[in-house]
Protein backbone atom coordinates (compact mmCIF):
# COMPACT_ATOMS: atom_id res chain seq x y z
CA MET A 1 61.52 59.41 -34.05
CA PRO A 2 59.34 56.67 -35.69
CA GLN A 3 61.87 54.03 -34.58
CA LYS A 4 61.81 55.37 -31.02
CA ARG A 5 58.03 55.11 -30.89
CA ALA A 6 58.16 51.58 -32.26
CA ARG A 7 60.83 50.49 -29.77
CA PRO A 8 58.37 48.73 -27.37
CA LEU A 9 57.01 46.72 -30.32
CA TYR A 10 60.49 45.65 -31.35
CA LEU A 11 61.25 44.73 -27.74
CA ALA A 12 58.05 42.67 -27.51
CA LYS A 13 59.00 40.84 -30.72
CA LEU A 14 62.48 40.22 -29.35
CA LEU A 15 61.13 38.69 -26.14
CA GLN A 16 58.63 36.58 -28.10
CA GLU A 17 61.19 35.19 -30.54
CA ARG A 18 64.43 34.99 -28.57
CA THR A 19 63.56 34.25 -24.94
CA ASP A 20 62.18 31.44 -22.85
CA GLU A 21 62.88 30.09 -19.36
CA ASP A 22 66.18 28.54 -20.46
CA HIS A 23 67.21 31.47 -22.66
CA PRO A 24 66.66 34.83 -20.90
CA LEU A 25 68.17 38.11 -22.02
CA THR A 26 69.86 40.81 -19.97
CA VAL A 27 69.19 44.50 -20.56
CA PRO A 28 72.63 44.99 -22.23
CA GLU A 29 71.81 42.10 -24.58
CA MET A 30 68.46 43.70 -25.41
CA LEU A 31 70.19 47.01 -26.10
CA ASP A 32 72.66 45.26 -28.40
CA CYS A 33 69.89 43.45 -30.32
CA LEU A 34 67.93 46.68 -30.76
CA ALA A 35 71.05 48.61 -31.84
CA ARG A 36 71.72 46.02 -34.56
CA GLN A 37 68.25 46.83 -35.89
CA GLY A 38 69.03 50.53 -35.92
CA ILE A 39 67.10 51.33 -32.74
CA PRO A 40 69.37 53.02 -30.17
CA ALA A 41 68.12 53.12 -26.58
CA GLU A 42 69.26 53.64 -22.99
CA ARG A 43 68.86 51.31 -20.02
CA LYS A 44 66.18 53.49 -18.46
CA ALA A 45 64.10 53.34 -21.64
CA ILE A 46 64.28 49.52 -21.68
CA TYR A 47 63.06 49.29 -18.07
CA GLU A 48 60.18 51.63 -18.93
CA ASP A 49 59.32 49.57 -22.02
CA LEU A 50 59.37 46.32 -20.03
CA GLU A 51 56.95 47.80 -17.52
CA LEU A 52 54.73 49.07 -20.34
CA LEU A 53 54.61 45.60 -21.90
CA ARG A 54 53.67 44.11 -18.53
CA THR A 55 50.75 46.53 -18.21
CA VAL A 56 49.33 45.34 -21.55
CA GLY A 57 49.47 41.69 -20.46
CA MET A 58 52.87 40.29 -21.43
CA ASP A 59 54.16 37.90 -18.76
CA ILE A 60 57.75 39.18 -18.55
CA VAL A 61 59.61 37.23 -15.89
CA HIS A 62 62.57 38.80 -14.07
CA THR A 63 65.19 36.58 -12.47
CA LYS A 64 68.50 37.48 -10.84
CA THR A 65 71.71 35.48 -10.87
CA LYS A 66 74.96 37.36 -11.41
CA THR A 67 72.91 39.47 -13.80
CA HIS A 68 69.32 40.63 -14.13
CA ASN A 69 67.59 38.37 -16.65
CA TYR A 70 64.26 38.68 -18.48
CA TYR A 71 62.20 36.27 -20.52
CA LEU A 72 58.64 35.77 -21.74
CA GLY A 73 56.83 33.39 -19.39
CA GLN A 74 53.22 32.49 -20.17
CA ARG A 75 52.38 32.52 -23.87
CA THR A 76 49.10 32.09 -25.74
CA PHE A 77 50.15 28.47 -26.35
CA GLN A 78 52.60 26.75 -24.03
CA LEU A 79 55.30 24.46 -25.42
CA ALA A 80 53.43 21.25 -24.50
CA GLU A 81 50.32 22.56 -26.27
CA VAL A 82 52.28 23.43 -29.42
CA LYS A 83 53.81 19.94 -29.43
CA LEU A 84 50.32 18.44 -29.17
CA LEU A 85 49.05 20.55 -32.07
CA ILE A 86 52.04 19.57 -34.20
CA ASP A 87 51.35 15.90 -33.48
CA VAL A 88 47.74 16.38 -34.62
CA VAL A 89 48.86 18.09 -37.83
CA GLN A 90 51.37 15.31 -38.55
CA ALA A 91 48.77 12.61 -37.97
CA SER A 92 46.04 14.22 -40.09
CA PRO A 93 45.55 12.24 -43.32
CA PHE A 94 43.33 15.00 -44.74
CA LEU A 95 46.29 17.44 -44.90
CA THR A 96 48.89 17.18 -47.65
CA ALA A 97 52.54 16.87 -46.67
CA ARG A 98 53.22 20.41 -47.92
CA LYS A 99 50.31 21.95 -46.02
CA SER A 100 51.32 19.99 -42.91
CA MET A 101 54.80 21.50 -43.05
CA GLU A 102 53.37 24.99 -43.59
CA LEU A 103 51.17 24.67 -40.52
CA ILE A 104 53.99 23.22 -38.43
CA ARG A 105 56.24 26.17 -39.29
CA LYS A 106 53.48 28.56 -38.22
CA LEU A 107 52.99 26.63 -34.98
CA GLU A 108 56.73 26.78 -34.31
CA SER A 109 56.54 30.58 -34.52
CA LEU A 110 54.41 30.51 -31.35
CA THR A 111 57.51 29.48 -29.41
CA SER A 112 61.01 30.93 -29.06
CA VAL A 113 63.57 30.18 -31.77
CA HIS A 114 65.36 27.89 -29.33
CA GLN A 115 62.22 25.83 -28.65
CA ALA A 116 61.33 25.83 -32.35
CA ALA A 117 64.69 24.22 -33.15
CA GLY A 118 63.83 21.37 -30.79
CA LEU A 119 60.41 20.98 -32.37
CA SER A 120 61.92 20.79 -35.86
CA ARG A 121 64.05 17.83 -34.80
CA GLN A 122 60.85 16.01 -33.76
CA VAL A 123 59.13 16.38 -37.16
CA TYR A 124 59.84 12.96 -38.61
CA VAL A 125 56.58 11.08 -39.22
CA LEU A 126 55.34 12.88 -42.35
CA ASN A 127 55.80 9.75 -44.45
CA ARG A 128 52.43 8.48 -43.21
CA LEU A 129 49.46 8.45 -45.57
CA LYS A 130 48.49 11.95 -46.69
CA THR A 131 45.88 13.22 -49.10
CA PRO A 132 47.28 14.22 -52.52
CA ASN A 133 44.63 16.94 -52.94
CA GLU A 134 46.41 20.27 -52.42
CA GLN A 135 43.07 22.14 -52.56
CA LEU A 136 41.55 20.39 -49.56
CA TYR A 137 42.50 23.15 -47.12
CA TYR A 138 40.62 25.71 -49.19
CA LEU A 139 37.69 23.40 -49.96
CA ILE A 140 37.04 23.00 -46.23
CA ASP A 141 37.09 26.76 -45.75
CA ALA A 142 34.69 27.34 -48.69
CA VAL A 143 32.26 24.66 -47.49
CA ASP A 144 32.29 26.09 -43.98
CA ARG A 145 31.54 29.58 -45.32
CA ALA A 146 28.65 28.17 -47.37
CA ILE A 147 27.21 26.44 -44.29
CA GLN A 148 27.48 29.61 -42.22
CA ALA A 149 25.86 31.69 -44.99
CA GLY A 150 23.15 29.09 -45.69
CA ARG A 151 24.07 28.77 -49.38
CA VAL A 152 23.93 25.96 -51.94
CA ILE A 153 27.27 24.73 -53.29
CA ARG A 154 28.22 23.33 -56.72
CA PHE A 155 31.10 20.95 -57.35
CA ARG A 156 32.28 17.98 -59.35
CA TYR A 157 33.02 14.69 -57.63
CA PHE A 158 35.67 12.15 -58.65
CA ASP A 159 37.10 8.72 -57.93
CA TRP A 160 40.71 7.62 -58.35
CA THR A 161 41.80 5.26 -61.12
CA VAL A 162 44.49 2.61 -60.68
CA GLN A 163 46.82 4.92 -62.62
CA GLY A 164 46.29 7.63 -59.99
CA ARG A 165 44.16 9.83 -62.26
CA ARG A 166 40.79 11.37 -61.52
CA ILE A 167 37.64 10.07 -63.14
CA TYR A 168 34.62 12.29 -62.57
CA ARG A 169 31.28 10.78 -61.66
CA HIS A 170 28.27 11.28 -63.96
CA ASN A 171 30.65 12.25 -66.79
CA GLY A 172 31.80 15.33 -64.92
CA ALA A 173 28.29 16.68 -64.26
CA TRP A 174 27.93 19.25 -61.49
CA TYR A 175 26.52 18.31 -58.11
CA GLU A 176 24.33 20.98 -56.54
CA GLU A 177 23.90 20.33 -52.84
CA SER A 178 22.62 21.93 -49.65
CA PRO A 179 25.51 21.60 -47.15
CA VAL A 180 24.57 20.67 -43.59
CA ALA A 181 27.80 19.94 -41.70
CA LEU A 182 31.46 18.99 -41.95
CA CYS A 183 32.60 15.91 -40.01
CA VAL A 184 36.01 14.36 -39.43
CA ASP A 185 36.61 10.61 -39.19
CA ARG A 186 40.20 10.18 -40.42
CA ASN A 187 39.01 12.18 -43.45
CA TYR A 188 36.82 15.23 -43.88
CA TYR A 189 33.25 14.49 -44.93
CA LEU A 190 30.48 16.81 -46.01
CA ILE A 191 26.89 15.98 -45.09
CA THR A 192 24.29 17.43 -47.46
CA TYR A 193 20.49 17.31 -47.47
CA ARG A 194 18.35 16.56 -50.53
CA PRO A 195 14.77 17.69 -49.79
CA GLY A 196 13.31 16.07 -52.90
CA GLN A 197 14.49 12.66 -51.69
CA ASP A 198 14.33 13.54 -47.99
CA LYS A 199 17.75 11.99 -47.47
CA TYR A 200 21.26 12.92 -46.37
CA ILE A 201 24.31 12.30 -48.56
CA HIS A 202 27.96 12.07 -47.53
CA PHE A 203 30.86 13.30 -49.69
CA ARG A 204 34.60 12.98 -49.14
CA VAL A 205 35.79 16.59 -49.27
CA ASP A 206 39.18 15.64 -50.71
CA ARG A 207 37.39 14.17 -53.75
CA MET A 208 35.43 17.33 -54.50
CA ASP A 209 36.66 19.63 -57.26
CA SER A 210 35.89 23.09 -58.69
CA LEU A 211 33.68 23.98 -55.73
CA GLU A 212 31.56 27.12 -55.99
CA VAL A 213 29.42 28.82 -53.36
CA THR A 214 26.23 30.00 -55.06
CA GLU A 215 23.74 32.72 -54.12
CA LYS A 216 20.92 30.18 -53.82
CA PRO A 217 19.71 29.56 -50.23
CA ARG A 218 20.14 25.99 -49.09
CA ALA A 219 17.15 23.78 -48.38
CA PRO A 220 15.80 23.97 -44.82
CA LEU A 221 16.27 20.88 -42.68
CA PRO A 222 13.22 18.88 -41.56
CA PRO A 223 11.61 20.15 -38.32
CA GLY A 224 13.09 18.54 -35.23
CA PHE A 225 16.20 17.25 -37.03
CA ASP A 226 18.98 16.60 -34.50
CA LEU A 227 22.28 17.01 -36.32
CA ALA A 228 24.39 15.90 -33.33
CA SER A 229 22.44 12.64 -32.96
CA TYR A 230 22.62 11.99 -36.68
CA VAL A 231 26.39 12.47 -36.80
CA ARG A 232 26.88 10.19 -33.79
CA SER A 233 24.90 7.46 -35.54
CA ILE A 234 27.18 7.47 -38.59
CA PHE A 235 29.79 4.73 -38.49
CA ASP A 236 32.91 5.63 -40.49
CA MET A 237 30.76 7.72 -42.85
CA HIS A 238 29.46 4.72 -44.83
CA SER A 239 25.73 4.64 -45.31
CA GLY A 240 23.68 1.78 -43.91
CA SER A 241 20.51 1.32 -41.90
CA SER A 242 20.83 2.92 -38.46
CA ARG A 243 20.03 0.41 -35.71
CA ARG A 244 20.58 -0.12 -32.02
CA VAL A 245 23.03 -3.02 -32.09
CA THR A 246 24.00 -5.20 -29.15
CA LEU A 247 27.40 -6.91 -29.23
CA GLU A 248 29.00 -9.55 -27.03
CA LEU A 249 32.74 -8.96 -26.88
CA ASP A 250 35.57 -10.72 -25.15
CA GLY A 251 36.55 -8.71 -22.06
CA LYS A 252 39.92 -7.79 -23.53
CA LEU A 253 38.11 -5.76 -26.22
CA LEU A 254 36.48 -3.35 -23.79
CA ASN A 255 39.08 -0.65 -24.44
CA VAL A 256 38.66 -1.18 -28.20
CA ALA A 257 34.90 -0.78 -27.86
CA ARG A 258 35.23 2.38 -25.81
CA ASP A 259 37.65 3.81 -28.39
CA ARG A 260 35.04 3.11 -31.08
CA PHE A 261 31.78 4.06 -29.37
CA GLY A 262 32.84 6.25 -26.45
CA ASP A 263 30.28 7.20 -23.79
CA ARG A 264 27.34 7.11 -26.20
CA ALA A 265 27.17 3.30 -25.84
CA HIS A 266 25.85 1.27 -22.91
CA TYR A 267 28.24 -1.26 -21.36
CA ARG A 268 27.55 -4.10 -18.94
CA ALA A 269 29.28 -7.25 -17.79
CA GLY A 270 28.34 -10.50 -19.51
CA GLU A 271 29.05 -14.12 -18.65
CA ASN A 272 32.53 -15.62 -18.49
CA GLY A 273 34.25 -12.23 -18.53
CA ALA A 274 32.48 -11.02 -21.66
CA VAL A 275 31.28 -7.44 -22.17
CA ILE A 276 27.86 -6.54 -23.60
CA VAL A 277 27.87 -3.32 -25.63
CA SER A 278 24.78 -1.61 -26.98
CA ALA A 279 25.17 1.31 -29.41
CA GLN A 280 23.36 3.10 -32.24
CA VAL A 281 25.31 2.48 -35.45
CA ASP A 282 24.89 2.32 -39.21
CA VAL A 283 24.75 -1.39 -40.05
CA SER A 284 27.08 -0.96 -43.03
CA PRO A 285 29.78 -3.19 -44.53
CA THR A 286 32.33 -1.08 -42.67
CA PHE A 287 30.72 -1.79 -39.31
CA LEU A 288 30.23 -5.47 -40.11
CA GLY A 289 33.84 -5.75 -41.29
CA TRP A 290 34.96 -4.18 -38.03
CA VAL A 291 33.08 -6.86 -36.08
CA LEU A 292 34.58 -9.63 -38.24
CA THR A 293 38.06 -8.30 -37.45
CA PHE A 294 37.79 -9.85 -33.98
CA GLY A 295 36.72 -13.32 -35.17
CA LYS A 296 35.33 -15.48 -32.36
CA ASP A 297 35.89 -12.71 -29.81
CA ALA A 298 32.96 -10.62 -31.13
CA LYS A 299 29.35 -11.55 -31.79
CA ILE A 300 26.24 -9.57 -32.75
CA LEU A 301 23.36 -10.46 -30.45
CA GLU A 302 20.69 -8.04 -31.72
CA PRO A 303 18.94 -7.20 -33.98
CA PRO A 304 18.38 -10.33 -36.11
CA GLU A 305 18.77 -8.43 -39.40
CA ALA A 306 22.25 -7.30 -38.34
CA ARG A 307 23.22 -10.87 -37.51
CA GLU A 308 21.98 -11.99 -40.94
CA ALA A 309 23.82 -9.18 -42.68
CA LEU A 310 27.04 -10.30 -40.99
CA ARG A 311 26.45 -13.91 -42.12
CA ASP A 312 25.88 -12.73 -45.71
CA LEU A 313 29.06 -10.64 -45.69
CA ALA A 314 31.10 -13.55 -44.30
CA ARG A 315 29.66 -15.94 -46.92
CA GLU A 316 30.47 -13.52 -49.72
CA ALA A 317 34.04 -13.09 -48.48
CA LEU A 318 34.52 -16.84 -48.10
CA GLY A 319 33.10 -17.40 -51.59
CA ARG A 320 36.01 -15.49 -53.11
CA TYR A 321 38.35 -18.25 -51.92
CA GLU A 322 36.28 -21.35 -52.75
CA GLY A 323 37.76 -23.45 -55.50
CA ASP A 324 41.22 -21.83 -55.27
């Protein structure tokens, strides 16, 4: 009797796992699959179960060739969407290779076994750079819970040595921070607020260790603080002085500029095919190095202090090669 009551659930699982548009099942095939699981049934019962599953929202498609065929049509995630999510997981440097494979296997379970086999054959780019920190997945979850609960967190912070070992900052002393937000820019970063210094600090989450969520309430943010604007102003999560910077770029770099700044920048045509880009950025070594990447095809027009900072950085870099 319990198996008979559970028959619609087994049938739903069968349709989810074994069918798609290219791999339908006939009623006799369904009966055979159920029988092999110790669930006997008659044709009439299967038709009733299929109708029941339709009434609760399953998109069971019926086609007719020489036989009557059934398969699960619309799913929560369609095949193209699952492929996209797998690509994102594979490309994420903040996931370890093992965690990436775990997530991909779970994503494959959203499709039929036949589609999952095709997806497995496409998983081949996991040799790209991945974080070695196996705890990152759980660190992100703990930090997010602390932010939602408005709690202070404690952790130790480390750098890597050339031997690949961890060396903890401040001799392993604990950091006690008020978490504000998690941001992603190739890596996961935590933004915290220190009220005593009235400043915001950025931490790489994959270099945090032994994180604890305390019972202490986090410090309130200053009145009128706009988190979205602040995050947009951060350039690659390296601190610098935030400025409205105007660049003159060769026209062929317009797509590059839009990839970097998106719609938050102002674009206009310059002379001789150049493009003038104005954006709020942190004038940090990372930003200045990005500008230097394009050599004569990129130039800072404003402000003067950003131009001077770029000159200083270029002189320092050139100085490393003088006398060689």
